[in-house]
Amino acid sequence: MLKTLLAGLALAAATFMAGSASAQDAGKPWDPKITDTDYVLGKADAPVTVLEFASFTCPHCAAFTNDVLPQIEKSYIDTGKVKLVFRQFPLNGLDLRAGMMARCAPRDQYFNIAKVLFQTQQSWATAGDPIGALAQIGGMAGLPKDKFDACLADNTIADAIVNGMQAAQTTYQVNATPTFVVEGEKLEGEASFDTFKALFDKKLAEKGVATN
């Protein structure tokens, strides 16, 4: 079953969604459709929401997490102005398994694991035994080896991630990582903190929220 999912994953990752890049229909309020299964960084009532679609094996995603996200956290997330919703967009089988491991560890460790995966991406993603490397990362976050093995064999978890990827393609025409959607406005690829700052400040101003 997992082999079938991986084959479908490869096909989905290679599919370019035609049409405009607009993430929001004109005149309609944006609804990010956040659920209890989402992984959210920041306060639930933050006025601005940003969706991040990322791959754990994507170098540009790692650059964002390692270099830009800390500045966003300090200036916008920790101050209650912005919340970030992380949605995995796997590009390959190893990436899918990394996300499965992160989901199976204690839920409050998800973002810690995600940050470790991005910070050590070059080590585990190119290791001779990358699955073993993922098991070690999971173990450090409280996921024992037997539960790690069961996790990677759980098609329900794989289905949830792949379905989320397909929903991102359908709803936001995501076809590359990282892709961000800020209050309905789409931003693709690696971007500087100044780019995010300008976009966040614009969206906050539209909502009547002070930016300083």
Protein backbone atom coordinates (compact mmCIF):
# COMPACT_ATOMS: atom_id res chain seq x y z
CA MET A 1 0.00 0.00 0.00
CA LEU A 2 2.81 2.43 0.89
CA LYS A 3 4.45 1.73 -2.48
CA THR A 4 1.22 2.80 -4.17
CA LEU A 5 1.18 6.00 -2.12
CA LEU A 6 4.79 6.73 -3.03
CA ALA A 7 4.02 6.22 -6.71
CA GLY A 8 1.10 8.61 -6.42
CA LEU A 9 3.31 11.06 -4.56
CA ALA A 10 5.81 11.08 -7.40
CA LEU A 11 3.04 11.72 -9.90
CA ALA A 12 1.52 14.50 -7.82
CA ALA A 13 4.88 16.20 -7.33
CA ALA A 14 5.46 16.21 -11.08
CA THR A 15 2.08 17.69 -11.90
CA PHE A 16 1.91 21.40 -12.69
CA MET A 17 -1.46 22.85 -11.83
CA ALA A 18 -2.65 25.06 -14.68
CA GLY A 19 -4.43 28.37 -14.22
CA SER A 20 -3.76 31.55 -12.31
CA ALA A 21 -1.62 31.69 -9.18
CA SER A 22 -4.30 33.51 -7.23
CA ALA A 23 -4.90 32.03 -3.79
CA GLN A 24 -8.10 33.96 -3.19
CA ASP A 25 -11.20 34.63 -5.26
CA ALA A 26 -11.85 38.33 -5.71
CA GLY A 27 -14.38 39.69 -3.25
CA LYS A 28 -14.43 36.59 -1.07
CA PRO A 29 -12.97 36.56 2.46
CA TRP A 30 -10.07 34.17 2.81
CA ASP A 31 -10.62 31.03 4.85
CA PRO A 32 -7.42 29.05 5.58
CA LYS A 33 -9.55 26.20 6.98
CA ILE A 34 -7.39 25.56 10.03
CA THR A 35 -8.31 22.34 11.85
CA ASP A 36 -7.28 20.62 15.07
CA THR A 37 -4.91 18.44 13.05
CA ASP A 38 -2.91 21.44 11.78
CA TYR A 39 0.42 22.39 13.32
CA VAL A 40 0.26 26.05 14.33
CA LEU A 41 3.07 28.28 15.57
CA GLY A 42 1.68 31.30 17.38
CA LYS A 43 -1.49 32.44 19.09
CA ALA A 44 -4.80 31.16 17.75
CA ASP A 45 -6.26 34.68 17.68
CA ALA A 46 -3.34 36.29 15.83
CA PRO A 47 -4.86 38.67 13.24
CA VAL A 48 -2.68 37.52 10.33
CA THR A 49 -2.37 33.90 9.21
CA VAL A 50 0.38 32.52 7.00
CA LEU A 51 0.26 29.02 5.55
CA GLU A 52 3.63 27.45 4.83
CA PHE A 53 3.81 24.54 2.38
CA ALA A 54 7.24 22.98 2.74
CA SER A 55 9.30 19.87 2.07
CA PHE A 56 11.70 18.50 4.67
CA THR A 57 14.26 17.71 1.94
CA CYS A 58 13.98 21.13 0.25
CA PRO A 59 17.13 23.32 0.72
CA HIS A 60 15.16 26.55 0.25
CA CYS A 61 12.71 25.44 2.95
CA ALA A 62 15.65 24.79 5.26
CA ALA A 63 17.04 28.26 4.51
CA PHE A 64 13.70 29.82 5.46
CA THR A 65 13.44 27.89 8.72
CA ASN A 66 17.06 28.42 9.71
CA ASP A 67 17.54 32.05 8.66
CA VAL A 68 14.21 33.84 8.24
CA LEU A 69 11.74 32.15 10.59
CA PRO A 70 13.63 33.16 13.78
CA GLN A 71 13.24 36.83 12.78
CA ILE A 72 9.55 36.31 12.00
CA GLU A 73 9.04 34.59 15.35
CA LYS A 74 10.69 37.43 17.25
CA SER A 75 8.93 40.30 15.46
CA TYR A 76 5.52 38.87 14.59
CA ILE A 77 4.71 35.44 16.06
CA ASP A 78 5.92 35.99 19.62
CA THR A 79 4.18 39.38 19.66
CA GLY A 80 0.83 37.81 18.75
CA LYS A 81 0.49 39.48 15.35
CA VAL A 82 1.02 36.46 13.10
CA LYS A 83 0.45 32.74 13.34
CA LEU A 84 2.15 30.25 11.01
CA VAL A 85 0.40 27.06 9.94
CA PHE A 86 2.87 24.44 8.69
CA ARG A 87 1.59 22.01 6.06
CA GLN A 88 4.00 19.46 4.67
CA PHE A 89 4.27 19.23 0.89
CA PRO A 90 6.41 16.10 0.36
CA LEU A 91 8.44 15.84 -2.82
CA ASN A 92 9.77 12.29 -2.41
CA GLY A 93 9.47 9.15 -0.32
CA LEU A 94 12.14 10.12 2.20
CA ASP A 95 10.46 13.46 2.72
CA LEU A 96 7.14 11.70 3.29
CA ARG A 97 8.69 9.41 5.90
CA ALA A 98 10.32 12.36 7.69
CA GLY A 99 6.90 13.95 8.02
CA MET A 100 5.36 10.71 9.24
CA MET A 101 8.01 10.48 11.95
CA ALA A 102 7.35 14.07 13.02
CA ARG A 103 3.62 13.35 13.31
CA CYS A 104 4.14 10.22 15.38
CA ALA A 105 6.35 11.88 17.98
CA PRO A 106 4.67 13.74 20.87
CA ARG A 107 2.57 16.49 19.29
CA ASP A 108 4.19 19.27 21.31
CA GLN A 109 7.53 18.29 19.77
CA TYR A 110 6.44 18.74 16.14
CA PHE A 111 8.02 22.12 15.51
CA ASN A 112 11.15 21.16 17.44
CA ILE A 113 11.50 18.10 15.19
CA ALA A 114 10.79 20.15 12.07
CA LYS A 115 13.51 22.62 13.01
CA VAL A 116 15.99 19.82 13.69
CA LEU A 117 15.14 18.20 10.34
CA PHE A 118 15.83 21.46 8.54
CA GLN A 119 18.94 22.32 10.57
CA THR A 120 20.48 18.88 9.98
CA GLN A 121 19.01 18.31 6.52
CA GLN A 122 22.33 17.73 4.79
CA SER A 123 23.27 15.06 7.35
CA TRP A 124 20.19 12.85 7.50
CA ALA A 125 18.94 13.32 3.93
CA THR A 126 22.27 12.22 2.44
CA ALA A 127 23.15 9.59 5.05
CA GLY A 128 23.92 6.04 4.00
CA ASP A 129 20.96 4.98 6.14
CA PRO A 130 18.57 7.96 6.11
CA ILE A 131 15.75 5.98 7.74
CA GLY A 132 18.08 5.11 10.60
CA ALA A 133 18.99 8.79 10.89
CA LEU A 134 15.30 9.69 11.09
CA ALA A 135 14.82 7.07 13.80
CA GLN A 136 17.56 8.73 15.84
CA ILE A 137 15.95 12.15 15.49
CA GLY A 138 12.60 10.69 16.50
CA GLY A 139 14.18 8.97 19.47
CA MET A 140 15.58 12.25 20.75
CA ALA A 141 12.04 13.68 20.62
CA GLY A 142 10.47 10.81 22.55
CA LEU A 143 9.58 8.37 19.76
CA PRO A 144 10.95 4.88 20.59
CA LYS A 145 12.23 2.67 17.78
CA ASP A 146 9.30 0.23 17.89
CA LYS A 147 6.80 3.09 17.56
CA PHE A 148 8.94 4.64 14.81
CA ASP A 149 8.77 1.40 12.81
CA ALA A 150 5.01 1.13 13.34
CA CYS A 151 4.64 4.77 12.33
CA LEU A 152 6.36 4.32 8.98
CA ALA A 153 4.12 1.31 8.26
CA ASP A 154 0.92 3.25 9.04
CA ASN A 155 -0.83 4.02 5.75
CA THR A 156 -3.32 6.28 7.52
CA ILE A 157 -0.57 8.75 8.38
CA ALA A 158 0.89 8.60 4.88
CA ASP A 159 -2.59 9.13 3.41
CA ALA A 160 -3.16 12.22 5.55
CA ILE A 161 0.07 13.84 4.34
CA VAL A 162 -0.47 13.00 0.67
CA ASN A 163 -4.10 14.15 0.83
CA GLY A 164 -2.92 17.43 2.32
CA MET A 165 -0.47 17.84 -0.53
CA GLN A 166 -3.17 17.23 -3.10
CA ALA A 167 -5.46 19.73 -1.36
CA ALA A 168 -2.67 22.33 -1.54
CA GLN A 169 -2.36 21.76 -5.26
CA THR A 170 -6.10 22.06 -5.80
CA THR A 171 -6.77 25.01 -3.50
CA TYR A 172 -3.62 27.10 -3.89
CA GLN A 173 -1.98 25.69 -7.04
CA VAL A 174 1.11 24.80 -5.02
CA ASN A 175 3.68 23.13 -7.25
CA ALA A 176 6.98 24.02 -5.56
CA THR A 177 8.42 24.52 -2.10
CA PRO A 178 8.42 26.62 -0.13
CA THR A 179 5.13 28.31 -0.93
CA PHE A 180 3.45 30.70 1.49
CA VAL A 181 -0.08 32.07 1.54
CA VAL A 182 -0.49 35.19 3.68
CA GLU A 183 -4.11 36.19 4.18
CA GLY A 184 -4.88 34.84 0.72
CA GLU A 185 -1.82 36.34 -1.00
CA LYS A 186 0.59 33.78 -2.43
CA LEU A 187 4.38 34.02 -2.13
CA GLU A 188 6.51 31.38 -3.84
CA GLY A 189 10.12 30.42 -3.27
CA GLU A 190 12.80 31.67 -0.91
CA ALA A 191 12.19 35.21 0.35
CA SER A 192 13.97 37.57 2.71
CA PHE A 193 12.69 38.72 6.08
CA ASP A 194 12.15 42.19 4.58
CA THR A 195 9.81 40.68 1.99
CA PHE A 196 7.74 38.99 4.69
CA LYS A 197 7.84 42.13 6.85
CA ALA A 198 6.39 44.26 4.06
CA LEU A 199 3.64 41.71 3.39
CA PHE A 200 2.80 41.21 7.08
CA ASP A 201 2.71 44.96 7.74
CA LYS A 202 0.40 45.46 4.76
CA LYS A 203 -2.00 42.77 5.96
CA LEU A 204 -1.90 44.07 9.54
CA ALA A 205 -2.64 47.60 8.33
CA GLU A 206 -5.60 46.30 6.33
CA LYS A 207 -6.95 44.87 9.60
CA GLY A 208 -6.27 48.08 11.52
CA VAL A 209 -3.49 46.57 13.63
CA ALA A 210 -0.46 48.68 14.54
CA THR A 211 2.81 47.34 13.16
CA ASN A 212 5.17 48.82 15.76
